[in-house]
PDB file of N, CA and C in Angstrom:
ATOM      1  N   MET A   1      16.561 -47.383 -35.250  1.00  0.00           N
ATOM      2  CA  MET A   1      15.353 -47.437 -34.325  1.00  0.00           C
ATOM      3  C   MET A   1      14.650 -48.836 -34.800  1.00  0.00           C
ATOM      4  N   ARG A   2      14.540 -49.711 -33.758  1.00  0.00           N
ATOM      5  CA  ARG A   2      13.603 -50.877 -33.889  1.00  0.00           C
ATOM      6  C   ARG A   2      12.169 -50.488 -33.822  1.00  0.00           C
ATOM      7  N   LEU A   3      11.384 -51.416 -34.274  1.00  0.00           N
ATOM      8  CA  LEU A   3       9.874 -51.216 -34.438  1.00  0.00           C
ATOM      9  C   LEU A   3       9.430 -50.959 -32.873  1.00  0.00           C
ATOM     10  N   SER A   4       9.782 -51.893 -31.847  1.00  0.00           N
ATOM     11  CA  SER A   4       9.446 -51.802 -30.640  1.00  0.00           C
ATOM     12  C   SER A   4       9.722 -50.319 -30.114  1.00  0.00           C
ATOM     13  N   GLU A   5      10.853 -49.869 -30.425  1.00  0.00           N
ATOM     14  CA  GLU A   5      11.485 -48.547 -30.022  1.00  0.00           C
ATOM     15  C   GLU A   5      10.368 -47.436 -30.681  1.00  0.00           C
ATOM     16  N   PHE A   6       9.999 -47.581 -31.863  1.00  0.00           N
ATOM     17  CA  PHE A   6       9.135 -46.672 -32.392  1.00  0.00           C
ATOM     18  C   PHE A   6       7.857 -46.494 -31.681  1.00  0.00           C
ATOM     19  N   TRP A   7       7.256 -47.786 -31.315  1.00  0.00           N
ATOM     20  CA  TRP A   7       5.877 -47.842 -30.736  1.00  0.00           C
ATOM     21  C   TRP A   7       6.139 -47.227 -29.255  1.00  0.00           C
ATOM     22  N   GLN A   8       7.320 -47.469 -28.578  1.00  0.00           N
ATOM     23  CA  GLN A   8       7.535 -46.879 -27.175  1.00  0.00           C
ATOM     24  C   GLN A   8       7.673 -45.394 -27.245  1.00  0.00           C
ATOM     25  N   ALA A   9       8.352 -44.761 -28.327  1.00  0.00           N
ATOM     26  CA  ALA A   9       8.430 -43.435 -28.516  1.00  0.00           C
ATOM     27  C   ALA A   9       7.017 -42.881 -28.860  1.00  0.00           C
ATOM     28  N   MET A  10       6.205 -43.608 -29.737  1.00  0.00           N
ATOM     29  CA  MET A  10       4.879 -43.002 -29.921  1.00  0.00           C
ATOM     30  C   MET A  10       4.104 -42.896 -28.643  1.00  0.00           C
ATOM     31  N   SER A  11       4.117 -44.004 -27.760  1.00  0.00           N
ATOM     32  CA  SER A  11       3.398 -44.050 -26.585  1.00  0.00           C
ATOM     33  C   SER A  11       3.864 -43.030 -25.637  1.00  0.00           C
ATOM     34  N   ASP A  12       5.146 -42.753 -25.465  1.00  0.00           N
ATOM     35  CA  ASP A  12       5.655 -42.020 -24.473  1.00  0.00           C
ATOM     36  C   ASP A  12       5.273 -40.438 -24.977  1.00  0.00           C
ATOM     37  N   GLU A  13       5.231 -40.198 -26.238  1.00  0.00           N
ATOM     38  CA  GLU A  13       4.958 -38.817 -26.752  1.00  0.00           C
ATOM     39  C   GLU A  13       3.501 -38.462 -26.795  1.00  0.00           C
ATOM     40  N   PHE A  14       2.728 -39.414 -27.226  1.00  0.00           N
ATOM     41  CA  PHE A  14       1.207 -39.156 -27.397  1.00  0.00           C
ATOM     42  C   PHE A  14       0.253 -40.050 -26.585  1.00  0.00           C
ATOM     43  N   GLY A  15       0.771 -40.903 -25.825  1.00  0.00           N
ATOM     44  CA  GLY A  15      -0.045 -41.841 -25.070  1.00  0.00           C
ATOM     45  C   GLY A  15      -0.557 -42.990 -25.894  1.00  0.00           C
ATOM     46  N   ASP A  16      -0.886 -44.061 -25.344  1.00  0.00           N
ATOM     47  CA  ASP A  16      -1.247 -45.302 -26.230  1.00  0.00           C
ATOM     48  C   ASP A  16      -2.234 -45.151 -27.224  1.00  0.00           C
ATOM     49  N   ALA A  17      -3.410 -44.659 -26.639  1.00  0.00           N
ATOM     50  CA  ALA A  17      -4.621 -44.582 -27.613  1.00  0.00           C
ATOM     51  C   ALA A  17      -4.300 -43.643 -28.793  1.00  0.00           C
ATOM     52  N   TYR A  18      -3.935 -42.431 -28.335  1.00  0.00           N
ATOM     53  CA  TYR A  18      -3.664 -41.373 -29.436  1.00  0.00           C
ATOM     54  C   TYR A  18      -2.565 -41.807 -30.402  1.00  0.00           C
ATOM     55  N   ALA A  19      -1.608 -42.391 -29.919  1.00  0.00           N
ATOM     56  CA  ALA A  19      -0.428 -43.009 -30.755  1.00  0.00           C
ATOM     57  C   ALA A  19      -1.035 -43.901 -31.843  1.00  0.00           C
ATOM     58  N   LYS A  20      -1.732 -44.716 -31.455  1.00  0.00           N
ATOM     59  CA  LYS A  20      -2.532 -45.823 -32.362  1.00  0.00           C
ATOM     60  C   LYS A  20      -3.268 -45.011 -33.461  1.00  0.00           C
ATOM     61  N   SER A  21      -4.114 -44.097 -32.798  1.00  0.00           N
ATOM     62  CA  SER A  21      -4.963 -43.214 -33.868  1.00  0.00           C
ATOM     63  C   SER A  21      -4.155 -42.649 -34.847  1.00  0.00           C
ATOM     64  N   ILE A  22      -3.027 -41.902 -34.391  1.00  0.00           N
ATOM     65  CA  ILE A  22      -2.244 -41.082 -35.235  1.00  0.00           C
ATOM     66  C   ILE A  22      -1.558 -42.106 -36.352  1.00  0.00           C
ATOM     67  N   ALA A  23      -1.022 -43.206 -35.926  1.00  0.00           N
ATOM     68  CA  ALA A  23      -0.295 -44.174 -36.721  1.00  0.00           C
ATOM     69  C   ALA A  23      -1.237 -44.596 -37.761  1.00  0.00           C
ATOM     70  N   ARG A  24      -2.505 -44.827 -37.535  1.00  0.00           N
ATOM     71  CA  ARG A  24      -3.489 -45.462 -38.398  1.00  0.00           C
ATOM     72  C   ARG A  24      -4.100 -44.481 -39.370  1.00  0.00           C
ATOM     73  N   ASP A  25      -4.381 -43.035 -38.835  1.00  0.00           N
ATOM     74  CA  ASP A  25      -5.246 -42.182 -39.663  1.00  0.00           C
ATOM     75  C   ASP A  25      -4.344 -40.956 -40.230  1.00  0.00           C
ATOM     76  N   LEU A  26      -3.245 -40.569 -39.757  1.00  0.00           N
ATOM     77  CA  LEU A  26      -2.630 -39.482 -40.255  1.00  0.00           C
ATOM     78  C   LEU A  26      -1.746 -39.738 -41.414  1.00  0.00           C
ATOM     79  N   VAL A  27      -2.109 -39.162 -42.553  1.00  0.00           N
ATOM     80  CA  VAL A  27      -1.417 -39.377 -43.825  1.00  0.00           C
ATOM     81  C   VAL A  27      -0.222 -38.419 -43.926  1.00  0.00           C
ATOM     82  N   LEU A  28       0.877 -38.828 -44.095  1.00  0.00           N
ATOM     83  CA  LEU A  28       2.116 -38.118 -44.157  1.00  0.00           C
ATOM     84  C   LEU A  28       2.833 -37.912 -45.493  1.00  0.00           C
ATOM     85  N   THR A  29       2.831 -36.893 -46.051  1.00  0.00           N
ATOM     86  CA  THR A  29       3.152 -36.339 -47.313  1.00  0.00           C
ATOM     87  C   THR A  29       4.675 -36.912 -47.539  1.00  0.00           C
ATOM     88  N   PRO A  30       5.655 -36.757 -46.553  1.00  0.00           N
ATOM     89  CA  PRO A  30       6.855 -37.291 -46.820  1.00  0.00           C
ATOM     90  C   PRO A  30       7.205 -38.737 -46.867  1.00  0.00           C
ATOM     91  N   LEU A  31       6.148 -39.577 -46.491  1.00  0.00           N
ATOM     92  CA  LEU A  31       6.013 -40.844 -46.666  1.00  0.00           C
ATOM     93  C   LEU A  31       5.318 -41.351 -47.822  1.00  0.00           C
ATOM     94  N   ARG A  32       5.126 -40.338 -48.799  1.00  0.00           N
ATOM     95  CA  ARG A  32       4.469 -40.755 -50.103  1.00  0.00           C
ATOM     96  C   ARG A  32       2.973 -40.850 -49.952  1.00  0.00           C
ATOM     97  N   ASP A  33       2.563 -40.056 -49.076  1.00  0.00           N
ATOM     98  CA  ASP A  33       1.045 -39.988 -48.759  1.00  0.00           C
ATOM     99  C   ASP A  33       0.508 -41.292 -48.255  1.00  0.00           C
ATOM    100  N   ARG A  34       1.430 -41.875 -47.211  1.00  0.00           N
ATOM    101  CA  ARG A  34       0.969 -43.037 -46.504  1.00  0.00           C
ATOM    102  C   ARG A  34       0.857 -42.754 -45.042  1.00  0.00           C
ATOM    103  N   THR A  35       0.090 -43.486 -44.247  1.00  0.00           N
ATOM    104  CA  THR A  35       0.079 -43.428 -42.918  1.00  0.00           C
ATOM    105  C   THR A  35       1.245 -44.116 -42.356  1.00  0.00           C
ATOM    106  N   ALA A  36       1.544 -43.910 -41.102  1.00  0.00           N
ATOM    107  CA  ALA A  36       2.776 -44.462 -40.462  1.00  0.00           C
ATOM    108  C   ALA A  36       2.664 -46.164 -40.480  1.00  0.00           C
ATOM    109  N   GLU A  37       1.431 -46.552 -40.136  1.00  0.00           N
ATOM    110  CA  GLU A  37       1.185 -48.005 -40.301  1.00  0.00           C
ATOM    111  C   GLU A  37       1.442 -48.501 -41.645  1.00  0.00           C
ATOM    112  N   GLN A  38       1.029 -47.767 -42.714  1.00  0.00           N
ATOM    113  CA  GLN A  38       1.287 -48.285 -44.070  1.00  0.00           C
ATOM    114  C   GLN A  38       2.681 -48.248 -44.496  1.00  0.00           C
ATOM    115  N   ALA A  39       3.351 -47.208 -43.942  1.00  0.00           N
ATOM    116  CA  ALA A  39       4.727 -47.041 -44.406  1.00  0.00           C
ATOM    117  C   ALA A  39       5.667 -48.080 -43.673  1.00  0.00           C
ATOM    118  N   LEU A  40       5.312 -48.382 -42.416  1.00  0.00           N
ATOM    119  CA  LEU A  40       6.069 -49.465 -41.657  1.00  0.00           C
ATOM    120  C   LEU A  40       5.714 -50.824 -42.324  1.00  0.00           C
ATOM    121  N   ARG A  41       4.568 -50.996 -42.800  1.00  0.00           N
ATOM    122  CA  ARG A  41       4.252 -52.231 -43.319  1.00  0.00           C
ATOM    123  C   ARG A  41       5.039 -52.372 -44.801  1.00  0.00           C
ATOM    124  N   ASP A  42       5.209 -51.343 -45.480  1.00  0.00           N
ATOM    125  CA  ASP A  42       5.845 -51.373 -46.670  1.00  0.00           C
ATOM    126  C   ASP A  42       7.368 -51.187 -46.634  1.00  0.00           C
ATOM    127  N   GLY A  43       7.819 -51.328 -45.368  1.00  0.00           N
ATOM    128  CA  GLY A  43       9.281 -51.480 -45.172  1.00  0.00           C
ATOM    129  C   GLY A  43      10.075 -50.192 -44.983  1.00  0.00           C
ATOM    130  N   VAL A  44       9.338 -49.102 -44.801  1.00  0.00           N
ATOM    131  CA  VAL A  44      10.118 -47.764 -44.549  1.00  0.00           C
ATOM    132  C   VAL A  44      10.695 -47.815 -43.218  1.00  0.00           C
ATOM    133  N   PRO A  45      11.831 -47.479 -42.956  1.00  0.00           N
ATOM    134  CA  PRO A  45      12.558 -47.581 -41.583  1.00  0.00           C
ATOM    135  C   PRO A  45      11.833 -46.863 -40.571  1.00  0.00           C
ATOM    136  N   ALA A  46      11.663 -47.480 -39.457  1.00  0.00           N
ATOM    137  CA  ALA A  46      10.950 -46.987 -38.271  1.00  0.00           C
ATOM    138  C   ALA A  46      11.488 -45.438 -37.913  1.00  0.00           C
ATOM    139  N   ARG A  47      12.828 -45.300 -37.931  1.00  0.00           N
ATOM    140  CA  ARG A  47      13.325 -43.975 -37.677  1.00  0.00           C
ATOM    141  C   ARG A  47      12.681 -42.868 -38.647  1.00  0.00           C
ATOM    142  N   GLU A  48      12.762 -43.246 -39.949  1.00  0.00           N
ATOM    143  CA  GLU A  48      12.127 -42.259 -40.974  1.00  0.00           C
ATOM    144  C   GLU A  48      10.678 -42.061 -40.644  1.00  0.00           C
ATOM    145  N   VAL A  49       9.891 -43.110 -40.326  1.00  0.00           N
ATOM    146  CA  VAL A  49       8.597 -42.954 -40.013  1.00  0.00           C
ATOM    147  C   VAL A  49       8.360 -42.009 -38.811  1.00  0.00           C
ATOM    148  N   TRP A  50       9.065 -42.307 -37.678  1.00  0.00           N
ATOM    149  CA  TRP A  50       9.147 -41.544 -36.463  1.00  0.00           C
ATOM    150  C   TRP A  50       9.409 -40.148 -36.907  1.00  0.00           C
ATOM    151  N   LEU A  51      10.309 -39.795 -37.491  1.00  0.00           N
ATOM    152  CA  LEU A  51      10.701 -38.244 -37.686  1.00  0.00           C
ATOM    153  C   LEU A  51       9.759 -37.502 -38.589  1.00  0.00           C
ATOM    154  N   ALA A  52       9.120 -38.432 -39.481  1.00  0.00           N
ATOM    155  CA  ALA A  52       8.095 -37.786 -40.374  1.00  0.00           C
ATOM    156  C   ALA A  52       6.841 -37.329 -39.345  1.00  0.00           C
ATOM    157  N   LEU A  53       6.479 -38.249 -38.511  1.00  0.00           N
ATOM    158  CA  LEU A  53       5.472 -37.976 -37.490  1.00  0.00           C
ATOM    159  C   LEU A  53       5.865 -36.803 -36.735  1.00  0.00           C
ATOM    160  N   CYS A  54       7.020 -36.733 -36.187  1.00  0.00           N
ATOM    161  CA  CYS A  54       7.384 -35.690 -35.276  1.00  0.00           C
ATOM    162  C   CYS A  54       7.327 -34.264 -35.989  1.00  0.00           C
ATOM    163  N   GLU A  55       7.672 -34.355 -37.304  1.00  0.00           N
ATOM    164  CA  GLU A  55       7.490 -33.147 -38.142  1.00  0.00           C
ATOM    165  C   GLU A  55       6.113 -32.788 -38.271  1.00  0.00           C
ATOM    166  N   ALA A  56       5.249 -33.723 -38.543  1.00  0.00           N
ATOM    167  CA  ALA A  56       3.939 -33.329 -38.845  1.00  0.00           C
ATOM    168  C   ALA A  56       3.170 -33.009 -37.467  1.00  0.00           C
ATOM    169  N   MET A  57       3.519 -33.431 -36.313  1.00  0.00           N
ATOM    170  CA  MET A  57       2.871 -33.270 -35.112  1.00  0.00           C
ATOM    171  C   MET A  57       3.504 -32.221 -34.226  1.00  0.00           C
ATOM    172  N   ASP A  58       4.500 -31.458 -34.852  1.00  0.00           N
ATOM    173  CA  ASP A  58       5.244 -30.515 -34.227  1.00  0.00           C
ATOM    174  C   ASP A  58       5.920 -30.853 -32.823  1.00  0.00           C
ATOM    175  N   VAL A  59       6.423 -32.011 -32.746  1.00  0.00           N
ATOM    176  CA  VAL A  59       7.211 -32.559 -31.638  1.00  0.00           C
ATOM    177  C   VAL A  59       8.510 -31.806 -31.621  1.00  0.00           C
ATOM    178  N   PRO A  60       8.786 -31.157 -30.448  1.00  0.00           N
ATOM    179  CA  PRO A  60      10.010 -30.294 -30.237  1.00  0.00           C
ATOM    180  C   PRO A  60      11.336 -31.306 -30.602  1.00  0.00           C
ATOM    181  N   GLU A  61      12.266 -30.571 -31.175  1.00  0.00           N
ATOM    182  CA  GLU A  61      13.440 -31.228 -31.648  1.00  0.00           C
ATOM    183  C   GLU A  61      14.058 -31.974 -30.529  1.00  0.00           C
ATOM    184  N   ASN A  62      13.993 -31.529 -29.193  1.00  0.00           N
ATOM    185  CA  ASN A  62      14.679 -32.191 -28.220  1.00  0.00           C
ATOM    186  C   ASN A  62      13.975 -33.482 -27.725  1.00  0.00           C
ATOM    187  N   ARG A  63      12.805 -33.751 -28.235  1.00  0.00           N
ATOM    188  CA  ARG A  63      11.984 -35.061 -27.988  1.00  0.00           C
ATOM    189  C   ARG A  63      11.914 -35.991 -29.196  1.00  0.00           C
ATOM    190  N   ARG A  64      12.537 -35.622 -30.171  1.00  0.00           N
ATOM    191  CA  ARG A  64      12.421 -36.369 -31.537  1.00  0.00           C
ATOM    192  C   ARG A  64      13.237 -37.743 -31.362  1.00  0.00           C
ATOM    193  N   TYR A  65      14.005 -37.911 -30.289  1.00  0.00           N
ATOM    194  CA  TYR A  65      14.702 -39.223 -30.178  1.00  0.00           C
ATOM    195  C   TYR A  65      13.964 -40.009 -29.079  1.00  0.00           C
ATOM    196  N   GLY A  66      12.880 -39.590 -28.651  1.00  0.00           N
ATOM    197  CA  GLY A  66      12.082 -40.407 -27.607  1.00  0.00           C
ATOM    198  C   GLY A  66      12.320 -39.712 -26.236  1.00  0.00           C
ATOM    199  N   VAL A  67      11.325 -39.752 -25.602  1.00  0.00           N
ATOM    200  CA  VAL A  67      11.404 -38.998 -24.205  1.00  0.00           C
ATOM    201  C   VAL A  67      12.375 -39.495 -23.325  1.00  0.00           C
ATOM    202  N   GLY A  68      13.309 -38.611 -23.060  1.00  0.00           N
ATOM    203  CA  GLY A  68      14.560 -38.813 -22.151  1.00  0.00           C
ATOM    204  C   GLY A  68      15.805 -39.473 -22.796  1.00  0.00           C
ATOM    205  N   GLN A  69      15.673 -39.480 -24.122  1.00  0.00           N
ATOM    206  CA  GLN A  69      16.692 -40.062 -24.890  1.00  0.00           C
ATOM    207  C   GLN A  69      17.596 -38.988 -25.638  1.00  0.00           C
ATOM    208  N   LEU A  70      18.929 -39.260 -25.674  1.00  0.00           N
ATOM    209  CA  LEU A  70      19.705 -38.387 -26.391  1.00  0.00           C
ATOM    210  C   LEU A  70      19.876 -38.694 -27.812  1.00  0.00           C
ATOM    211  N   PRO A  71      20.011 -37.617 -28.651  1.00  0.00           N
ATOM    212  CA  PRO A  71      20.198 -37.954 -30.182  1.00  0.00           C
ATOM    213  C   PRO A  71      21.314 -39.024 -30.262  1.00  0.00           C
ATOM    214  N   PRO A  72      21.363 -39.746 -31.426  1.00  0.00           N
ATOM    215  CA  PRO A  72      22.434 -40.694 -31.567  1.00  0.00           C
ATOM    216  C   PRO A  72      23.717 -39.983 -32.042  1.00  0.00           C
ATOM    217  N   LYS A  73      24.897 -40.577 -31.695  1.00  0.00           N
ATOM    218  CA  LYS A  73      26.107 -39.869 -32.031  1.00  0.00           C
ATOM    219  C   LYS A  73      26.362 -40.022 -33.585  1.00  0.00           C
ATOM    220  N   GLU A  74      26.925 -39.019 -34.233  1.00  0.00           N
ATOM    221  CA  GLU A  74      27.083 -39.159 -35.595  1.00  0.00           C
ATOM    222  C   GLU A  74      28.335 -39.715 -35.939  1.00  0.00           C
TER     223      GLU A  74
END
């Protein structure tokens, strides 16, 4: 997941303003008690940050790959 895809998924799921607020303010335990913005700045892969946010925000499994997107093939 590219950073641009991360922000698009955030916007699609939460709306622009709320996505920015969540990324800035929500501390995520799986990301070593960092916010999404901090984790991304520290080099954590965007996919890992996105999935941690999805878990914390109870995003349904079928939307964790972005709205209208299929899960990656294994």
